[in-house]
C-alpha atoms as a PDB file:
ATOM      1  CA  MET A   1      -1.544 -16.974   2.563  1.00  0.00           C
ATOM      2  CA  LYS A   2      -3.196 -16.045  -0.407  1.00  0.00           C
ATOM      3  CA  GLU A   3      -7.215 -15.476  -0.768  1.00  0.00           C
ATOM      4  CA  THR A   4      -8.840 -13.729  -3.332  1.00  0.00           C
ATOM      5  CA  ASP A   5     -11.799 -10.667  -2.499  1.00  0.00           C
ATOM      6  CA  ILE A   6     -15.014 -10.837  -3.885  1.00  0.00           C
ATOM      7  CA  THR A   7     -13.900  -8.952  -7.479  1.00  0.00           C
ATOM      8  CA  GLY A   8     -11.249 -11.870  -7.492  1.00  0.00           C
ATOM      9  CA  ASN A   9      -8.248 -10.162  -7.122  1.00  0.00           C
ATOM     10  CA  GLU A  10      -5.902 -11.874  -5.045  1.00  0.00           C
ATOM     11  CA  VAL A  11      -5.320 -10.713  -1.519  1.00  0.00           C
ATOM     12  CA  MET A  12      -2.299 -11.684   0.540  1.00  0.00           C
ATOM     13  CA  ASN A  13      -1.519 -11.376   4.546  1.00  0.00           C
ATOM     14  CA  TYR A  14       2.213 -10.625   5.689  1.00  0.00           C
ATOM     15  CA  LYS A  15       3.652 -13.705   5.292  1.00  0.00           C
ATOM     16  CA  GLY A  16       2.007 -14.489   1.618  1.00  0.00           C
ATOM     17  CA  LEU A  17       3.204 -10.804   0.762  1.00  0.00           C
ATOM     18  CA  ALA A  18       6.848 -11.252   2.479  1.00  0.00           C
ATOM     19  CA  ALA A  19       7.539 -14.610   0.480  1.00  0.00           C
ATOM     20  CA  TYR A  20       6.349 -12.516  -2.608  1.00  0.00           C
ATOM     21  CA  LEU A  21       8.516 -10.154  -2.269  1.00  0.00           C
ATOM     22  CA  LYS A  22      11.203 -11.880  -0.382  1.00  0.00           C
ATOM     23  CA  MET A  23      11.330  -9.748   2.388  1.00  0.00           C
ATOM     24  CA  SER A  24      11.152 -10.306   6.028  1.00  0.00           C
ATOM     25  CA  GLN A  25       7.754  -9.865   7.834  1.00  0.00           C
ATOM     26  CA  GLY A  26       9.365  -7.634   9.977  1.00  0.00           C
ATOM     27  CA  THR A  27      10.371  -5.311   7.076  1.00  0.00           C
ATOM     28  CA  LEU A  28       6.652  -5.396   5.884  1.00  0.00           C
ATOM     29  CA  ARG A  29       5.427  -4.414   9.324  1.00  0.00           C
ATOM     30  CA  GLN A  30       7.541  -1.528   9.472  1.00  0.00           C
ATOM     31  CA  LYS A  31       6.645   0.015   5.781  1.00  0.00           C
ATOM     32  CA  VAL A  32       2.871  -0.588   6.908  1.00  0.00           C
ATOM     33  CA  MET A  33       3.562   1.408  10.075  1.00  0.00           C
ATOM     34  CA  ASN A  34       5.499   4.301   8.147  1.00  0.00           C
ATOM     35  CA  LYS A  35       2.747   3.610   5.377  1.00  0.00           C
ATOM     36  CA  LYS A  36       5.298   3.246   2.422  1.00  0.00           C
ATOM     37  CA  ILE A  37       3.810   0.238   0.710  1.00  0.00           C
ATOM     38  CA  PRO A  38      -0.225  -0.114  -0.091  1.00  0.00           C
ATOM     39  CA  PHE A  39      -2.374  -2.256   2.029  1.00  0.00           C
ATOM     40  CA  ILE A  40      -6.125  -2.697   3.484  1.00  0.00           C
ATOM     41  CA  LYS A  41      -6.890  -3.034   6.909  1.00  0.00           C
ATOM     42  CA  ILE A  42     -10.131  -5.108   7.267  1.00  0.00           C
ATOM     43  CA  ASP A  43     -11.559  -5.421  10.579  1.00  0.00           C
ATOM     44  CA  GLY A  44      -7.889  -4.709  11.985  1.00  0.00           C
ATOM     45  CA  ALA A  45      -6.473  -7.172   9.576  1.00  0.00           C
ATOM     46  CA  VAL A  46      -3.915  -5.948   7.317  1.00  0.00           C
ATOM     47  CA  ARG A  47      -4.461  -7.602   4.225  1.00  0.00           C
ATOM     48  CA  PHE A  48      -2.337  -6.758   0.774  1.00  0.00           C
ATOM     49  CA  SER A  49      -4.110  -6.527  -2.927  1.00  0.00           C
ATOM     50  CA  LYS A  50      -1.700  -8.149  -5.612  1.00  0.00           C
ATOM     51  CA  LYS A  51      -2.867  -5.723  -7.721  1.00  0.00           C
ATOM     52  CA  ASN A  52      -2.149  -2.677  -5.789  1.00  0.00           C
ATOM     53  CA  ILE A  53       1.545  -4.481  -4.731  1.00  0.00           C
ATOM     54  CA  ASP A  54       2.376  -4.573  -8.647  1.00  0.00           C
ATOM     55  CA  ALA A  55       1.186  -1.282  -9.099  1.00  0.00           C
ATOM     56  CA  TRP A  56       3.671   0.209  -6.488  1.00  0.00           C
ATOM     57  CA  LEU A  57       6.430  -1.942  -7.308  1.00  0.00           C
ATOM     58  CA  GLU A  58       6.701  -0.652 -10.678  1.00  0.00           C
ATOM     59  CA  GLU A  59       5.662   2.701  -9.440  1.00  0.00           C
ATOM     60  CA  ASN A  60       8.799   2.464  -7.200  1.00  0.00           C
ATOM     61  CA  LYS A  61      11.129   0.684  -9.845  1.00  0.00           C
ATOM     62  CA  ARG A  62      15.032   2.222  -9.792  1.00  0.00           C
ATOM     63  CA  GLY A  63      15.095   5.716 -11.823  1.00  0.00           C
ATOM     64  CA  THR A  64      11.736   6.822 -11.062  1.00  0.00           C
ATOM     65  CA  LYS A  65      12.948   8.011  -7.709  1.00  0.00           C
ATOM     66  CA  ALA A  66      15.074  10.757  -9.721  1.00  0.00           C
ATOM     67  CA  LYS A  67      12.328  11.633 -11.499  1.00  0.00           C
ATOM     68  CA  ASN A  68      10.276  12.217  -8.003  1.00  0.00           C
ATOM     69  CA  ARG A  69      13.144  14.038  -6.590  1.00  0.00           C
ATOM     70  CA  GLU A  70      12.748  16.630  -9.760  1.00  0.00           C
ATOM     71  CA  GLN A  71       9.119  16.672  -8.885  1.00  0.00           C
ATOM     72  CA  SER A  72       9.820  17.379  -5.292  1.00  0.00           C
ATOM     73  CA  THR A  73      12.330  20.222  -5.809  1.00  0.00           C
ATOM     74  CA  GLU A  74      10.054  21.941  -8.345  1.00  0.00           C
ATOM     75  CA  ASN A  75       6.926  21.415  -5.699  1.00  0.00           C
ATOM     76  CA  LYS A  76       9.193  22.954  -2.774  1.00  0.00           C
ATOM     77  CA  GLY A  77       6.522  25.071  -0.322  1.00  0.00           C
ATOM     78  CA  LYS A  78       3.932  24.066  -1.899  1.00  0.00           C
ATOM     79  CA  ARG A  79       1.516  22.085   0.529  1.00  0.00           C
ATOM     80  CA  GLU A  80       0.677  18.529  -0.363  1.00  0.00           C
ATOM     81  CA  MET A  81      -1.136  15.640   0.967  1.00  0.00           C
ATOM     82  CA  SER A  82       1.134  12.938   2.131  1.00  0.00           C
ATOM     83  CA  GLU A  83       1.451   9.600   1.058  1.00  0.00           C
ATOM     84  CA  GLY A  84      -0.293   6.641   2.057  1.00  0.00           C
ATOM     85  CA  GLU A  85      -2.755   8.694   4.094  1.00  0.00           C
ATOM     86  CA  LEU A  86      -5.547   6.427   5.567  1.00  0.00           C
ATOM     87  CA  PHE A  87      -9.533   6.805   4.690  1.00  0.00           C
ATOM     88  CA  THR A  88     -12.596   4.856   5.803  1.00  0.00           C
ATOM     89  CA  ASP A  89     -14.995   3.914   3.898  1.00  0.00           C
ATOM     90  CA  GLY A  90     -18.326   4.650   5.546  1.00  0.00           C
ATOM     91  CA  GLU A  91     -19.915   1.619   4.605  1.00  0.00           C
ATOM     92  CA  GLY A  92     -16.824  -0.873   5.710  1.00  0.00           C
ATOM     93  CA  LEU A  93     -16.903  -4.841   5.233  1.00  0.00           C
ATOM     94  CA  GLY A  94     -19.218  -6.852   7.510  1.00  0.00           C
ATOM     95  CA  ASN A  95     -19.427  -5.243  10.719  1.00  0.00           C
ATOM     96  CA  GLY A  96     -15.864  -3.525  10.672  1.00  0.00           C
ATOM     97  CA  GLN A  97     -14.583  -0.811   8.538  1.00  0.00           C
ATOM     98  CA  LEU A  98     -11.919  -0.966   5.740  1.00  0.00           C
ATOM     99  CA  GLU A  99      -8.906   1.405   5.814  1.00  0.00           C
ATOM    100  CA  ILE A 100      -6.474   1.483   2.682  1.00  0.00           C
ATOM    101  CA  SER A 101      -3.241   2.913   2.874  1.00  0.00           C
ATOM    102  CA  ASN A 102      -1.971   3.627  -1.270  1.00  0.00           C
ATOM    103  CA  GLY A 103       1.447   3.478  -0.020  1.00  0.00           C
ATOM    104  CA  GLY A 104       2.761   6.302  -2.563  1.00  0.00           C
ATOM    105  CA  CYS A 105       0.767   4.404  -5.759  1.00  0.00           C
ATOM    106  CA  ASN A 106      -1.398   7.206  -7.260  1.00  0.00           C
ATOM    107  CA  ASP A 107      -4.014   5.267  -9.352  1.00  0.00           C
END
């Protein structure tokens, strides 16, 4: 299902994103559980911003993994925050709270 948020950005649920990425919903659920894909959690419901997914796809194109591997060896032994850490917006949305995972997207 496709919806838009208050800023006009397209937001999808698992079914909509699975169709967009031509990937199973089960695979997407695993990526969310492992924080490997950007998602938004609103009142416990997982949603995906098309804008964030498109940026994540661009960042994770083939060829960038080799660059990331090089950076990883350069930073060996340094403490870094893990990708896709969740944070909660203190204001939340409505009565619920908003959690965002960037799934490795750095913008």
